[in-house]
Protein backbone atom coordinates (compact mmCIF):
# COMPACT_ATOMS: atom_id res chain seq x y z
CA MET A 1 11.40 55.63 69.75
CA LYS A 2 12.91 52.78 71.57
CA LYS A 3 15.26 53.51 74.42
CA VAL A 4 18.82 52.04 75.28
CA ILE A 5 20.36 52.61 78.72
CA ILE A 6 23.51 54.12 78.15
CA PRO A 7 25.86 56.14 80.40
CA ALA A 8 24.42 59.72 81.31
CA ILE A 9 26.82 61.80 79.52
CA ALA A 10 26.52 60.06 76.35
CA ALA A 11 22.59 60.00 76.67
CA ALA A 12 22.78 63.77 76.98
CA ALA A 13 24.86 64.18 73.90
CA LEU A 14 22.47 61.98 71.91
CA VAL A 15 19.52 64.19 73.27
CA ILE A 16 21.15 67.49 72.31
CA ALA A 17 22.25 66.27 69.01
CA ALA A 18 18.77 65.17 68.16
CA CYS A 19 17.29 68.50 69.40
CA ALA A 20 19.83 70.94 67.93
CA PRO A 21 18.45 72.90 65.00
CA LYS A 22 19.46 71.22 61.62
CA ALA A 23 19.52 72.43 58.16
CA ALA A 24 16.70 70.97 55.68
CA LYS A 25 17.63 67.59 54.55
CA ALA A 26 17.10 66.01 51.40
CA PRO A 27 14.37 63.27 51.12
CA LYS A 28 15.45 59.93 52.26
CA ALA A 29 16.68 57.95 49.43
CA LYS A 30 14.59 54.72 48.87
CA ALA A 31 16.37 51.59 49.66
CA PRO A 32 17.45 49.27 46.95
CA ASP A 33 14.75 46.56 46.23
CA VAL A 34 16.39 43.24 47.22
CA PRO A 35 15.30 39.78 47.97
CA ILE A 36 15.40 38.94 51.59
CA ARG A 37 17.07 35.75 52.89
CA THR A 38 15.59 33.97 56.17
CA TYR A 39 17.52 31.64 58.38
CA ASN A 40 15.72 29.33 60.53
CA ALA A 41 17.73 28.90 63.68
CA PRO A 42 17.41 25.69 65.59
CA LYS A 43 17.24 25.84 69.52
CA ALA A 44 20.45 24.29 71.11
CA THR A 45 19.79 20.98 72.88
CA SER A 46 22.96 21.00 75.14
CA ALA A 47 25.65 23.66 76.07
CA ILE A 48 27.80 25.18 73.39
CA THR A 49 31.46 25.78 74.39
CA ILE A 50 32.78 28.76 72.68
CA ASP A 51 36.11 27.67 71.46
CA GLY A 52 35.94 28.39 67.54
CA ILE A 53 35.48 24.74 66.95
CA LEU A 54 32.01 23.68 65.93
CA ASP A 55 32.03 20.08 67.12
CA GLU A 56 29.01 19.93 68.99
CA ALA A 57 26.10 17.91 67.40
CA ASP A 58 23.77 21.13 67.46
CA TRP A 59 26.24 22.84 65.28
CA GLN A 60 26.73 19.94 62.89
CA ASN A 61 22.81 19.73 62.61
CA ALA A 62 22.34 23.45 62.03
CA PRO A 63 21.71 24.44 58.35
CA LEU A 64 24.57 25.98 56.68
CA SER A 65 23.58 29.51 55.28
CA GLU A 66 23.74 30.42 51.65
CA ALA A 67 27.17 31.26 50.21
CA PHE A 68 28.01 34.88 50.73
CA ALA A 69 27.46 37.15 47.69
CA ASP A 70 28.94 40.47 46.93
CA ILE A 71 27.07 43.28 48.72
CA ARG A 72 25.57 44.80 45.44
CA GLY A 73 23.62 41.81 44.47
CA VAL A 74 23.75 37.78 44.20
CA ASP A 75 24.28 38.24 40.41
CA PHE A 76 26.88 41.03 40.71
CA GLU A 77 30.18 40.31 38.77
CA PRO A 78 32.78 39.42 39.83
CA LYS A 79 31.45 37.24 42.34
CA PRO A 80 33.28 36.23 45.69
CA VAL A 81 36.61 34.20 44.94
CA LYS A 82 36.35 32.86 48.61
CA GLN A 83 33.36 31.09 50.37
CA THR A 84 31.86 32.27 53.33
CA HIS A 85 28.80 30.82 55.24
CA MET A 86 27.38 31.27 58.73
CA LYS A 87 25.23 29.35 61.12
CA MET A 88 22.96 30.12 64.17
CA LEU A 89 21.43 28.55 67.14
CA TRP A 90 19.95 29.94 70.16
CA ASP A 91 18.82 29.26 73.81
CA ASP A 92 16.99 30.77 76.45
CA GLU A 93 20.08 33.20 77.34
CA ASN A 94 22.08 33.42 74.09
CA LEU A 95 22.13 33.84 70.30
CA TYR A 96 25.01 31.84 68.90
CA ILE A 97 26.69 32.69 65.73
CA ALA A 98 29.39 30.66 63.64
CA GLY A 99 31.11 32.30 60.92
CA ILE A 100 32.86 29.79 58.51
CA ILE A 101 35.59 31.69 56.24
CA GLU A 102 37.59 30.35 53.56
CA GLU A 103 40.88 31.82 53.36
CA ASP A 104 44.18 30.72 51.89
CA ASN A 105 46.36 33.35 53.80
CA VAL A 106 44.90 34.23 57.35
CA THR A 107 46.17 37.64 58.35
CA ALA A 108 45.34 40.11 61.26
CA SER A 109 47.25 42.79 62.96
CA LEU A 110 44.81 44.93 64.97
CA THR A 111 44.97 44.02 68.57
CA GLU A 112 43.03 47.12 70.38
CA HIS A 113 39.37 46.47 71.46
CA ASP A 114 37.29 48.90 69.34
CA ALA A 115 39.89 49.64 66.77
CA ILE A 116 38.77 50.01 63.16
CA ILE A 117 38.79 46.21 62.51
CA TYR A 118 37.72 46.46 58.89
CA ARG A 119 41.25 47.87 58.07
CA ASP A 120 41.97 44.00 58.60
CA ASN A 121 40.10 41.20 56.82
CA ASP A 122 37.13 40.96 59.31
CA TRP A 123 33.81 39.22 60.09
CA GLU A 124 30.83 41.68 60.96
CA VAL A 125 27.22 41.26 62.61
CA PHE A 126 24.58 43.70 62.67
CA ILE A 127 21.44 43.04 64.81
CA ASP A 128 18.26 44.71 65.19
CA PRO A 129 15.93 42.78 67.15
CA ASP A 130 12.73 44.64 66.67
CA GLN A 131 13.25 45.58 62.96
CA ASP A 132 12.74 49.35 63.45
CA CYS A 133 15.87 50.26 61.92
CA ARG A 134 16.93 52.34 65.00
CA PHE A 135 19.26 51.66 67.84
CA TYR A 136 20.81 48.53 66.25
CA PHE A 137 24.25 46.72 66.96
CA GLU A 138 27.16 46.33 65.17
CA ILE A 139 30.23 43.71 65.98
CA GLU A 140 33.29 43.26 64.12
CA MET A 141 36.25 40.81 64.77
CA ASN A 142 39.35 40.04 63.18
CA ALA A 143 41.39 36.52 63.03
CA LEU A 144 43.15 37.43 66.25
CA GLY A 145 39.76 37.71 67.95
CA THR A 146 40.11 41.57 68.39
CA VAL A 147 36.40 42.97 68.72
CA MET A 148 34.81 46.24 67.78
CA ASP A 149 31.43 46.56 69.14
CA LEU A 150 29.05 49.69 68.52
CA LEU A 151 25.39 51.13 68.88
CA MET A 152 23.98 53.04 66.00
CA ASP A 153 21.30 55.44 66.72
CA ARG A 154 20.04 55.34 62.94
CA PRO A 155 21.50 54.80 59.56
CA TYR A 156 24.21 57.14 58.46
CA SER A 157 21.80 58.03 55.37
CA GLN A 158 19.49 59.53 58.04
CA GLY A 159 22.10 61.37 60.17
CA GLY A 160 23.02 58.41 62.21
CA LYS A 161 25.71 58.69 64.80
CA PHE A 162 27.56 55.60 66.55
CA TYR A 163 28.38 55.17 70.06
CA LEU A 164 31.62 53.49 70.32
CA PRO A 165 32.02 53.38 74.28
CA TRP A 166 29.03 50.92 74.14
CA ASP A 167 29.98 47.02 74.90
CA LEU A 168 28.16 44.17 74.31
CA ARG A 169 28.10 43.00 77.81
CA GLY A 170 28.80 39.30 78.53
CA MET A 171 29.65 38.41 74.89
CA LYS A 172 31.83 35.29 74.50
CA THR A 173 34.03 35.13 71.15
CA ALA A 174 36.38 32.61 69.81
CA VAL A 175 38.20 32.13 66.69
CA HIS A 176 39.88 28.90 65.23
CA VAL A 177 42.54 29.40 62.34
CA ASP A 178 42.83 26.16 60.07
CA GLY A 179 46.41 27.15 58.82
CA THR A 180 48.85 29.56 60.45
CA LEU A 181 48.31 33.01 61.18
CA ASN A 182 50.35 35.92 59.56
CA ASN A 183 52.38 33.52 57.51
CA PRO A 184 52.32 34.08 53.73
CA GLU A 185 54.73 31.13 53.05
CA ASP A 186 52.06 28.42 53.42
CA LYS A 187 48.57 27.92 52.25
CA ASP A 188 45.61 27.87 55.03
CA LYS A 189 42.38 26.68 54.67
CA GLY A 190 40.39 29.53 56.68
CA TRP A 191 39.24 30.69 59.90
CA THR A 192 36.07 30.09 62.16
CA VAL A 193 34.26 32.61 64.31
CA GLU A 194 32.18 31.79 67.02
CA MET A 195 30.20 33.96 69.09
CA ALA A 196 27.63 33.74 72.11
CA ILE A 197 25.65 36.95 72.58
CA PRO A 198 23.54 37.38 75.50
CA VAL A 199 20.03 38.30 74.55
CA ALA A 200 19.48 40.23 77.71
CA SER A 201 22.13 42.57 76.45
CA LEU A 202 20.11 43.33 73.67
CA CYS A 203 17.21 44.34 75.70
CA VAL A 204 15.68 47.70 75.40
CA ASP A 205 13.24 49.76 77.50
CA PHE A 206 11.58 46.95 80.07
CA GLN A 207 11.96 44.06 77.40
CA LYS A 208 12.97 40.72 78.67
CA PRO A 209 15.01 38.02 76.70
CA GLU A 210 11.67 36.09 76.15
CA ASP A 211 10.01 39.04 74.47
CA LEU A 212 13.06 39.43 71.80
CA LEU A 213 12.99 35.50 71.26
CA ALA A 214 9.16 35.55 70.51
CA ARG A 215 9.72 37.52 67.26
CA ASP A 216 11.82 37.59 64.16
CA TRP A 217 14.89 39.88 64.16
CA LYS A 218 16.60 41.66 61.23
CA ILE A 219 20.35 40.45 61.07
CA GLY A 220 23.13 41.15 58.72
CA PHE A 221 26.44 39.45 58.17
CA SER A 222 29.47 40.98 56.20
CA ARG A 223 32.98 39.87 55.52
CA VAL A 224 35.56 42.45 54.48
CA GLU A 225 38.29 41.04 52.42
CA TRP A 226 41.32 43.02 50.96
CA LEU A 227 42.36 41.01 48.03
CA LYS A 228 45.06 43.71 47.20
CA LYS A 229 46.76 45.61 50.16
CA GLU A 230 46.11 49.11 48.51
CA GLY A 231 42.22 48.18 48.03
CA PRO A 232 39.54 48.70 47.53
CA GLU A 233 38.19 46.06 49.71
CA GLU A 234 35.43 43.46 48.78
CA ASN A 235 32.11 43.32 50.82
CA TRP A 236 30.96 39.99 50.68
CA VAL A 237 27.59 39.51 52.60
CA TRP A 238 24.99 37.08 53.43
CA ASN A 239 21.93 39.32 52.48
CA PRO A 240 23.06 41.82 49.65
CA THR A 241 21.90 45.22 50.49
CA GLY A 242 21.95 46.50 46.77
CA GLU A 243 24.63 49.13 47.15
CA VAL A 244 28.01 49.16 48.95
CA ASN A 245 26.57 50.10 52.55
CA MET A 246 25.74 47.47 55.12
CA HIS A 247 23.87 50.52 57.10
CA ILE A 248 20.40 49.76 55.21
CA PRO A 249 18.71 47.35 58.23
CA GLN A 250 15.70 46.97 56.12
CA ASN A 251 17.84 44.97 53.42
CA TRP A 252 19.39 42.63 56.08
CA GLY A 253 18.11 39.07 56.42
CA VAL A 254 15.58 37.81 59.03
CA LEU A 255 16.52 35.62 61.71
CA HIS A 256 13.66 33.16 62.79
CA PHE A 257 14.04 31.48 66.03
CA VAL A 258 12.44 27.84 65.35
CA LYS A 259 10.81 26.94 68.50
């Protein structure tokens, strides 16, 4: 099992929880059988400014992902009524992510770090660099740029617990709104998320960034959209997991670093 360096009290809590006697569990359900998408991320050739505006040549040349689909499957009806795409780049220090989100009424209300961001319309990223479905990372953002980031020790279906005090050190984020935020009187075009995630902050054990960049990662993207205030929310994703549950890491897409 890989190790993640976290504060001693939290580490002790995780060890105690892992070692405590537990009632017998039902056999782990098999993950739905879904196609797995791959994104071939180019290496950036010049500096990327994190401002929410994708005007660098590297962003212009990066491939646009497939349109996001319902989390239950690409053929699930009804299909998303608003378009969502992503792009990725990388260099020796960072993974760069862009979320391109069509929205005719851009709204956000949550301003506190580590609030439950999916109560707003949001953008979500899930990262498992060594593809073992253990100790993976989740990041959520709204159109105000408010961030929630956490560490999962394993999926919830396997008794997983999350560690909210964990923060992704050195991450830079920005949001650009093409329209007016929280103004239902006009029609917006959407909002763009731009992120720079330090690869070193995702390293475990004695890994170095070059170790992670030498292999493919599992990565998931999700957009939560509240078409109706009372819900239920829509879950539109890059690689459908086959059920309304993003915590099936084996059903996320693959990130391939183009050398």
